[in-house]
C-alpha cells in the first residue's frame, strides 16, 4: 500500500498524479492520503 499527501501547487499536483498513475498498475491493497 502507498501513502501520498495532497498537493499544494499545480506542479505538485502533476507530480502526485504522475506517481499515482505509475504505481496504480501494481494493484496496491489501498492508497492513503494524509
ModelCIF file with pLDDT and N, C-alpha, C, O atoms, coordinates in Angstrom:
data_MODEL
#
_entry.id   MODEL 
#
_entity.id                         1 
_entity.type                       polymer 
_entity.pdbx_number_of_molecules   1 
#
_entity_poly.entity_id                      1 
_entity_poly.type                           'polypeptide(L)' 
_entity_poly.nstd_linkage                   no 
_entity_poly.nstd_monomer                   no 
_entity_poly.pdbx_seq_one_letter_code       
;(UNK)(UNK)(UNK)(UNK)(UNK)(UNK)(UNK)(UNK)(UNK)(UNK)(UNK)(UNK)(UNK)(UNK)(UNK)(UNK)
(UNK)(UNK)(UNK)(UNK)(UNK)(UNK)(UNK)(UNK)(UNK)(UNK)(UNK)(UNK)(UNK)(UNK)(UNK)(UNK)
(UNK)(UNK)
;
_entity_poly.pdbx_seq_one_letter_code_can   XXXXXXXXXXXXXXXXXXXXXXXXXXXXXXXXXX 
_entity_poly.pdbx_strand_id                 A 
#
loop_
_entity_poly_seq.entity_id 
_entity_poly_seq.num 
_entity_poly_seq.mon_id 
_entity_poly_seq.hetero 
1 1  UNK n 
1 2  UNK n 
1 3  UNK n 
1 4  UNK n 
1 5  UNK n 
1 6  UNK n 
1 7  UNK n 
1 8  UNK n 
1 9  UNK n 
1 10 UNK n 
1 11 UNK n 
1 12 UNK n 
1 13 UNK n 
1 14 UNK n 
1 15 UNK n 
1 16 UNK n 
1 17 UNK n 
1 18 UNK n 
1 19 UNK n 
1 20 UNK n 
1 21 UNK n 
1 22 UNK n 
1 23 UNK n 
1 24 UNK n 
1 25 UNK n 
1 26 UNK n 
1 27 UNK n 
1 28 UNK n 
1 29 UNK n 
1 30 UNK n 
1 31 UNK n 
1 32 UNK n 
1 33 UNK n 
1 34 UNK n 
#
_struct_asym.id          A 
_struct_asym.entity_id   1 
#
loop_
_ma_qa_metric.id 
_ma_qa_metric.mode 
_ma_qa_metric.name 
_ma_qa_metric.software_group_id 
_ma_qa_metric.type 
1 global pLDDT . pLDDT 
2 local  pLDDT . pLDDT 
#
_ma_qa_metric_global.metric_id      1 
_ma_qa_metric_global.metric_value   95.41 
_ma_qa_metric_global.model_id       1 
_ma_qa_metric_global.ordinal_id     1 
#
loop_
_ma_qa_metric_local.label_asym_id 
_ma_qa_metric_local.label_comp_id 
_ma_qa_metric_local.label_seq_id 
_ma_qa_metric_local.metric_id 
_ma_qa_metric_local.metric_value 
_ma_qa_metric_local.model_id 
_ma_qa_metric_local.ordinal_id 
A UNK 1  2 98.00 1 1  
A UNK 2  2 98.00 1 2  
A UNK 3  2 97.00 1 3  
A UNK 4  2 96.00 1 4  
A UNK 5  2 93.00 1 5  
A UNK 6  2 92.00 1 6  
A UNK 7  2 91.00 1 7  
A UNK 8  2 89.00 1 8  
A UNK 9  2 92.00 1 9  
A UNK 10 2 92.00 1 10 
A UNK 11 2 95.00 1 11 
A UNK 12 2 94.00 1 12 
A UNK 13 2 94.00 1 13 
A UNK 14 2 96.00 1 14 
A UNK 15 2 96.00 1 15 
A UNK 16 2 96.00 1 16 
A UNK 17 2 97.00 1 17 
A UNK 18 2 97.00 1 18 
A UNK 19 2 97.00 1 19 
A UNK 20 2 97.00 1 20 
A UNK 21 2 96.00 1 21 
A UNK 22 2 96.00 1 22 
A UNK 23 2 97.00 1 23 
A UNK 24 2 97.00 1 24 
A UNK 25 2 96.00 1 25 
A UNK 26 2 96.00 1 26 
A UNK 27 2 95.00 1 27 
A UNK 28 2 97.00 1 28 
A UNK 29 2 97.00 1 29 
A UNK 30 2 97.00 1 30 
A UNK 31 2 98.00 1 31 
A UNK 32 2 97.00 1 32 
A UNK 33 2 95.00 1 33 
A UNK 34 2 93.00 1 34 
#
loop_
_atom_site.group_PDB 
_atom_site.id 
_atom_site.type_symbol 
_atom_site.label_atom_id 
_atom_site.label_alt_id 
_atom_site.label_comp_id 
_atom_site.label_asym_id 
_atom_site.label_entity_id 
_atom_site.label_seq_id 
_atom_site.pdbx_PDB_ins_code 
_atom_site.Cartn_x 
_atom_site.Cartn_y 
_atom_site.Cartn_z 
_atom_site.occupancy 
_atom_site.B_iso_or_equiv 
_atom_site.pdbx_formal_charge 
_atom_site.auth_seq_id 
_atom_site.auth_comp_id 
_atom_site.auth_asym_id 
_atom_site.auth_atom_id 
_atom_site.pdbx_PDB_model_num 
ATOM 1   N N  . UNK A 1 1  ? 0.861  -1.176 0.000   1.00 98.00 ? 1  UNK A N  1 
ATOM 2   C CA . UNK A 1 1  ? 0.000  0.000  0.000   1.00 98.00 ? 1  UNK A CA 1 
ATOM 3   C C  . UNK A 1 1  ? 0.897  1.225  0.000   1.00 98.00 ? 1  UNK A C  1 
ATOM 4   O O  . UNK A 1 1  ? 2.063  1.151  0.387   1.00 98.00 ? 1  UNK A O  1 
ATOM 5   N N  . UNK A 1 2  ? 0.345  2.357  -0.438  1.00 98.00 ? 2  UNK A N  1 
ATOM 6   C CA . UNK A 1 2  ? 1.150  3.556  -0.628  1.00 98.00 ? 2  UNK A CA 1 
ATOM 7   C C  . UNK A 1 2  ? 0.497  4.761  0.039   1.00 98.00 ? 2  UNK A C  1 
ATOM 8   O O  . UNK A 1 2  ? -0.723 4.918  0.015   1.00 98.00 ? 2  UNK A O  1 
ATOM 9   N N  . UNK A 1 3  ? 1.341  5.614  0.639   1.00 97.00 ? 3  UNK A N  1 
ATOM 10  C CA . UNK A 1 3  ? 0.837  6.863  1.209   1.00 97.00 ? 3  UNK A CA 1 
ATOM 11  C C  . UNK A 1 3  ? 1.252  8.044  0.348   1.00 97.00 ? 3  UNK A C  1 
ATOM 12  O O  . UNK A 1 3  ? 2.400  8.140  -0.086  1.00 97.00 ? 3  UNK A O  1 
ATOM 13  N N  . UNK A 1 4  ? 0.303  8.942  0.106   1.00 96.00 ? 4  UNK A N  1 
ATOM 14  C CA . UNK A 1 4  ? 0.554  10.188 -0.617  1.00 96.00 ? 4  UNK A CA 1 
ATOM 15  C C  . UNK A 1 4  ? 0.092  11.356 0.252   1.00 96.00 ? 4  UNK A C  1 
ATOM 16  O O  . UNK A 1 4  ? -0.637 11.167 1.226   1.00 96.00 ? 4  UNK A O  1 
ATOM 17  N N  . UNK A 1 5  ? 0.523  12.559 -0.107  1.00 93.00 ? 5  UNK A N  1 
ATOM 18  C CA . UNK A 1 5  ? -0.005 13.739 0.573   1.00 93.00 ? 5  UNK A CA 1 
ATOM 19  C C  . UNK A 1 5  ? -0.640 14.672 -0.459  1.00 93.00 ? 5  UNK A C  1 
ATOM 20  O O  . UNK A 1 5  ? -0.208 14.693 -1.612  1.00 93.00 ? 5  UNK A O  1 
ATOM 21  N N  . UNK A 1 6  ? -1.660 15.446 -0.065  1.00 92.00 ? 6  UNK A N  1 
ATOM 22  C CA . UNK A 1 6  ? -2.365 16.299 -1.024  1.00 92.00 ? 6  UNK A CA 1 
ATOM 23  C C  . UNK A 1 6  ? -1.470 17.425 -1.522  1.00 92.00 ? 6  UNK A C  1 
ATOM 24  O O  . UNK A 1 6  ? -0.723 18.003 -0.733  1.00 92.00 ? 6  UNK A O  1 
ATOM 25  N N  . UNK A 1 7  ? -1.525 17.747 -2.793  1.00 91.00 ? 7  UNK A N  1 
ATOM 26  C CA . UNK A 1 7  ? -0.639 18.781 -3.361  1.00 91.00 ? 7  UNK A CA 1 
ATOM 27  C C  . UNK A 1 7  ? -1.074 20.191 -2.989  1.00 91.00 ? 7  UNK A C  1 
ATOM 28  O O  . UNK A 1 7  ? -2.256 20.471 -2.790  1.00 91.00 ? 7  UNK A O  1 
ATOM 29  N N  . UNK A 1 8  ? -0.078 21.072 -2.901  1.00 89.00 ? 8  UNK A N  1 
ATOM 30  C CA . UNK A 1 8  ? -0.349 22.479 -2.590  1.00 89.00 ? 8  UNK A CA 1 
ATOM 31  C C  . UNK A 1 8  ? -0.293 23.367 -3.825  1.00 89.00 ? 8  UNK A C  1 
ATOM 32  O O  . UNK A 1 8  ? -0.870 24.455 -3.827  1.00 89.00 ? 8  UNK A O  1 
ATOM 33  N N  . UNK A 1 9  ? 0.393  22.922 -4.874  1.00 92.00 ? 9  UNK A N  1 
ATOM 34  C CA . UNK A 1 9  ? 0.560  23.717 -6.081  1.00 92.00 ? 9  UNK A CA 1 
ATOM 35  C C  . UNK A 1 9  ? 0.237  22.873 -7.306  1.00 92.00 ? 9  UNK A C  1 
ATOM 36  O O  . UNK A 1 9  ? 0.094  21.653 -7.220  1.00 92.00 ? 9  UNK A O  1 
ATOM 37  N N  . UNK A 1 10 ? 0.124  23.546 -8.444  1.00 92.00 ? 10 UNK A N  1 
ATOM 38  C CA . UNK A 1 10 ? -0.159 22.842 -9.692  1.00 92.00 ? 10 UNK A CA 1 
ATOM 39  C C  . UNK A 1 10 ? 0.980  21.870 -10.042 1.00 92.00 ? 10 UNK A C  1 
ATOM 40  O O  . UNK A 1 10 ? 0.734  20.760 -10.515 1.00 92.00 ? 10 UNK A O  1 
ATOM 41  N N  . UNK A 1 11 ? 2.211  22.298 -9.807  1.00 95.00 ? 11 UNK A N  1 
ATOM 42  C CA . UNK A 1 11 ? 3.356  21.441 -10.113 1.00 95.00 ? 11 UNK A CA 1 
ATOM 43  C C  . UNK A 1 11 ? 3.361  20.201 -9.212  1.00 95.00 ? 11 UNK A C  1 
ATOM 44  O O  . UNK A 1 11 ? 3.643  19.091 -9.664  1.00 95.00 ? 11 UNK A O  1 
ATOM 45  N N  . UNK A 1 12 ? 3.043  20.412 -7.924  1.00 94.00 ? 12 UNK A N  1 
ATOM 46  C CA . UNK A 1 12 ? 2.977  19.277 -7.003  1.00 94.00 ? 12 UNK A CA 1 
ATOM 47  C C  . UNK A 1 12 ? 1.840  18.329 -7.374  1.00 94.00 ? 12 UNK A C  1 
ATOM 48  O O  . UNK A 1 12 ? 1.940  17.119 -7.169  1.00 94.00 ? 12 UNK A O  1 
ATOM 49  N N  . UNK A 1 13 ? 0.770  18.879 -7.914  1.00 94.00 ? 13 UNK A N  1 
ATOM 50  C CA . UNK A 1 13 ? -0.339 18.033 -8.344  1.00 94.00 ? 13 UNK A CA 1 
ATOM 51  C C  . UNK A 1 13 ? 0.071  17.149 -9.516  1.00 94.00 ? 13 UNK A C  1 
ATOM 52  O O  . UNK A 1 13 ? -0.303 15.978 -9.580  1.00 94.00 ? 13 UNK A O  1 
ATOM 53  N N  . UNK A 1 14 ? 0.842  17.714 -10.444 1.00 96.00 ? 14 UNK A N  1 
ATOM 54  C CA . UNK A 1 14 ? 1.337  16.906 -11.564 1.00 96.00 ? 14 UNK A CA 1 
ATOM 55  C C  . UNK A 1 14 ? 2.217  15.768 -11.073 1.00 96.00 ? 14 UNK A C  1 
ATOM 56  O O  . UNK A 1 14 ? 2.110  14.636 -11.545 1.00 96.00 ? 14 UNK A O  1 
ATOM 57  N N  . UNK A 1 15 ? 3.094  16.084 -10.111 1.00 96.00 ? 15 UNK A N  1 
ATOM 58  C CA . UNK A 1 15 ? 3.980  15.054 -9.562  1.00 96.00 ? 15 UNK A CA 1 
ATOM 59  C C  . UNK A 1 15 ? 3.177  13.963 -8.869  1.00 96.00 ? 15 UNK A C  1 
ATOM 60  O O  . UNK A 1 15 ? 3.441  12.774 -9.052  1.00 96.00 ? 15 UNK A O  1 
ATOM 61  N N  . UNK A 1 16 ? 2.189  14.378 -8.067  1.00 96.00 ? 16 UNK A N  1 
ATOM 62  C CA . UNK A 1 16 ? 1.354  13.405 -7.361  1.00 96.00 ? 16 UNK A CA 1 
ATOM 63  C C  . UNK A 1 16 ? 0.666  12.459 -8.325  1.00 96.00 ? 16 UNK A C  1 
ATOM 64  O O  . UNK A 1 16 ? 0.728  11.240 -8.163  1.00 96.00 ? 16 UNK A O  1 
ATOM 65  N N  . UNK A 1 17 ? 0.007  13.026 -9.334  1.00 97.00 ? 17 UNK A N  1 
ATOM 66  C CA . UNK A 1 17 ? -0.773 12.163 -10.216 1.00 97.00 ? 17 UNK A CA 1 
ATOM 67  C C  . UNK A 1 17 ? 0.093  11.337 -11.145 1.00 97.00 ? 17 UNK A C  1 
ATOM 68  O O  . UNK A 1 17 ? -0.313 10.256 -11.573 1.00 97.00 ? 17 UNK A O  1 
ATOM 69  N N  . UNK A 1 18 ? 1.260  11.822 -11.457 1.00 97.00 ? 18 UNK A N  1 
ATOM 70  C CA . UNK A 1 18 ? 2.218  11.001 -12.195 1.00 97.00 ? 18 UNK A CA 1 
ATOM 71  C C  . UNK A 1 18 ? 2.617  9.786  -11.352 1.00 97.00 ? 18 UNK A C  1 
ATOM 72  O O  . UNK A 1 18 ? 2.727  8.672  -11.864 1.00 97.00 ? 18 UNK A O  1 
ATOM 73  N N  . UNK A 1 19 ? 2.831  10.017 -10.052 1.00 97.00 ? 19 UNK A N  1 
ATOM 74  C CA . UNK A 1 19 ? 3.214  8.929  -9.154  1.00 97.00 ? 19 UNK A CA 1 
ATOM 75  C C  . UNK A 1 19 ? 2.068  7.943  -8.950  1.00 97.00 ? 19 UNK A C  1 
ATOM 76  O O  . UNK A 1 19 ? 2.281  6.731  -8.943  1.00 97.00 ? 19 UNK A O  1 
ATOM 77  N N  . UNK A 1 20 ? 0.865  8.458  -8.785  1.00 97.00 ? 20 UNK A N  1 
ATOM 78  C CA . UNK A 1 20 ? -0.294 7.583  -8.622  1.00 97.00 ? 20 UNK A CA 1 
ATOM 79  C C  . UNK A 1 20 ? -0.461 6.697  -9.842  1.00 97.00 ? 20 UNK A C  1 
ATOM 80  O O  . UNK A 1 20 ? -0.689 5.494  -9.723  1.00 97.00 ? 20 UNK A O  1 
ATOM 81  N N  . UNK A 1 21 ? -0.346 7.300  -11.010 1.00 96.00 ? 21 UNK A N  1 
ATOM 82  C CA . UNK A 1 21 ? -0.538 6.533  -12.235 1.00 96.00 ? 21 UNK A CA 1 
ATOM 83  C C  . UNK A 1 21 ? 0.587  5.517  -12.441 1.00 96.00 ? 21 UNK A C  1 
ATOM 84  O O  . UNK A 1 21 ? 0.364  4.438  -12.990 1.00 96.00 ? 21 UNK A O  1 
ATOM 85  N N  . UNK A 1 22 ? 1.779  5.862  -12.003 1.00 96.00 ? 22 UNK A N  1 
ATOM 86  C CA . UNK A 1 22 ? 2.913  4.946  -12.109 1.00 96.00 ? 22 UNK A CA 1 
ATOM 87  C C  . UNK A 1 22 ? 2.729  3.721  -11.215 1.00 96.00 ? 22 UNK A C  1 
ATOM 88  O O  . UNK A 1 22 ? 3.068  2.606  -11.609 1.00 96.00 ? 22 UNK A O  1 
ATOM 89  N N  . UNK A 1 23 ? 2.194  3.927  -10.014 1.00 97.00 ? 23 UNK A N  1 
ATOM 90  C CA . UNK A 1 23 ? 2.096  2.850  -9.038  1.00 97.00 ? 23 UNK A CA 1 
ATOM 91  C C  . UNK A 1 23 ? 0.770  2.083  -9.103  1.00 97.00 ? 23 UNK A C  1 
ATOM 92  O O  . UNK A 1 23 ? 0.695  0.945  -8.642  1.00 97.00 ? 23 UNK A O  1 
ATOM 93  N N  . UNK A 1 24 ? -0.257 2.685  -9.662  1.00 97.00 ? 24 UNK A N  1 
ATOM 94  C CA . UNK A 1 24 ? -1.580 2.063  -9.689  1.00 97.00 ? 24 UNK A CA 1 
ATOM 95  C C  . UNK A 1 24 ? -1.588 0.679  -10.343 1.00 97.00 ? 24 UNK A C  1 
ATOM 96  O O  . UNK A 1 24 ? -2.270 -0.212 -9.837  1.00 97.00 ? 24 UNK A O  1 
ATOM 97  N N  . UNK A 1 25 ? -0.855 0.456  -11.455 1.00 96.00 ? 25 UNK A N  1 
ATOM 98  C CA . UNK A 1 25 ? -0.897 -0.864 -12.089 1.00 96.00 ? 25 UNK A CA 1 
ATOM 99  C C  . UNK A 1 25 ? -0.349 -1.996 -11.224 1.00 96.00 ? 25 UNK A C  1 
ATOM 100 O O  . UNK A 1 25 ? -0.511 -3.166 -11.571 1.00 96.00 ? 25 UNK A O  1 
ATOM 101 N N  . UNK A 1 26 ? 0.296  -1.669 -10.106 1.00 96.00 ? 26 UNK A N  1 
ATOM 102 C CA . UNK A 1 26 ? 0.804  -2.707 -9.208  1.00 96.00 ? 26 UNK A CA 1 
ATOM 103 C C  . UNK A 1 26 ? -0.286 -3.243 -8.286  1.00 96.00 ? 26 UNK A C  1 
ATOM 104 O O  . UNK A 1 26 ? -0.036 -4.123 -7.462  1.00 96.00 ? 26 UNK A O  1 
ATOM 105 N N  . UNK A 1 27 ? -1.496 -2.707 -8.431  1.00 95.00 ? 27 UNK A N  1 
ATOM 106 C CA . UNK A 1 27 ? -2.673 -3.159 -7.674  1.00 95.00 ? 27 UNK A CA 1 
ATOM 107 C C  . UNK A 1 27 ? -2.446 -3.165 -6.164  1.00 95.00 ? 27 UNK A C  1 
ATOM 108 O O  . UNK A 1 27 ? -2.552 -4.214 -5.528  1.00 95.00 ? 27 UNK A O  1 
ATOM 109 N N  . UNK A 1 28 ? -2.132 -1.998 -5.581  1.00 97.00 ? 28 UNK A N  1 
ATOM 110 C CA . UNK A 1 28 ? -1.953 -1.937 -4.125  1.00 97.00 ? 28 UNK A CA 1 
ATOM 111 C C  . UNK A 1 28 ? -3.247 -2.266 -3.388  1.00 97.00 ? 28 UNK A C  1 
ATOM 112 O O  . UNK A 1 28 ? -4.343 -2.108 -3.925  1.00 97.00 ? 28 UNK A O  1 
ATOM 113 N N  . UNK A 1 29 ? -3.097 -2.725 -2.151  1.00 97.00 ? 29 UNK A N  1 
ATOM 114 C CA . UNK A 1 29 ? -4.279 -3.019 -1.332  1.00 97.00 ? 29 UNK A CA 1 
ATOM 115 C C  . UNK A 1 29 ? -5.101 -1.756 -1.124  1.00 97.00 ? 29 UNK A C  1 
ATOM 116 O O  . UNK A 1 29 ? -6.330 -1.790 -1.171  1.00 97.00 ? 29 UNK A O  1 
ATOM 117 N N  . UNK A 1 30 ? -4.413 -0.640 -0.894  1.00 97.00 ? 30 UNK A N  1 
ATOM 118 C CA . UNK A 1 30 ? -5.059 0.663  -0.761  1.00 97.00 ? 30 UNK A CA 1 
ATOM 119 C C  . UNK A 1 30 ? -3.998 1.740  -0.917  1.00 97.00 ? 30 UNK A C  1 
ATOM 120 O O  . UNK A 1 30 ? -2.800 1.463  -0.862  1.00 97.00 ? 30 UNK A O  1 
ATOM 121 N N  . UNK A 1 31 ? -4.453 2.969  -1.111  1.00 98.00 ? 31 UNK A N  1 
ATOM 122 C CA . UNK A 1 31 ? -3.561 4.125  -1.108  1.00 98.00 ? 31 UNK A CA 1 
ATOM 123 C C  . UNK A 1 31 ? -4.134 5.127  -0.113  1.00 98.00 ? 31 UNK A C  1 
ATOM 124 O O  . UNK A 1 31 ? -5.331 5.413  -0.140  1.00 98.00 ? 31 UNK A O  1 
ATOM 125 N N  . UNK A 1 32 ? -3.293 5.658  0.757   1.00 97.00 ? 32 UNK A N  1 
ATOM 126 C CA . UNK A 1 32 ? -3.781 6.603  1.755   1.00 97.00 ? 32 UNK A CA 1 
ATOM 127 C C  . UNK A 1 32 ? -3.364 8.023  1.394   1.00 97.00 ? 32 UNK A C  1 
ATOM 128 O O  . UNK A 1 32 ? -2.348 8.239  0.734   1.00 97.00 ? 32 UNK A O  1 
ATOM 129 N N  . UNK A 1 33 ? -4.158 8.974  1.833   1.00 95.00 ? 33 UNK A N  1 
ATOM 130 C CA . UNK A 1 33 ? -3.895 10.387 1.568   1.00 95.00 ? 33 UNK A CA 1 
ATOM 131 C C  . UNK A 1 33 ? -3.886 11.109 2.906   1.00 95.00 ? 33 UNK A C  1 
ATOM 132 O O  . UNK A 1 33 ? -4.860 11.040 3.656   1.00 95.00 ? 33 UNK A O  1 
ATOM 133 N N  . UNK A 1 34 ? -2.789 11.804 3.211   1.00 93.00 ? 34 UNK A N  1 
ATOM 134 C CA . UNK A 1 34 ? -2.616 12.413 4.526   1.00 93.00 ? 34 UNK A CA 1 
ATOM 135 C C  . UNK A 1 34 ? -3.510 13.638 4.701   1.00 93.00 ? 34 UNK A C  1 
ATOM 136 O O  . UNK A 1 34 ? -3.488 14.273 5.755   1.00 93.00 ? 34 UNK A O  1 
#
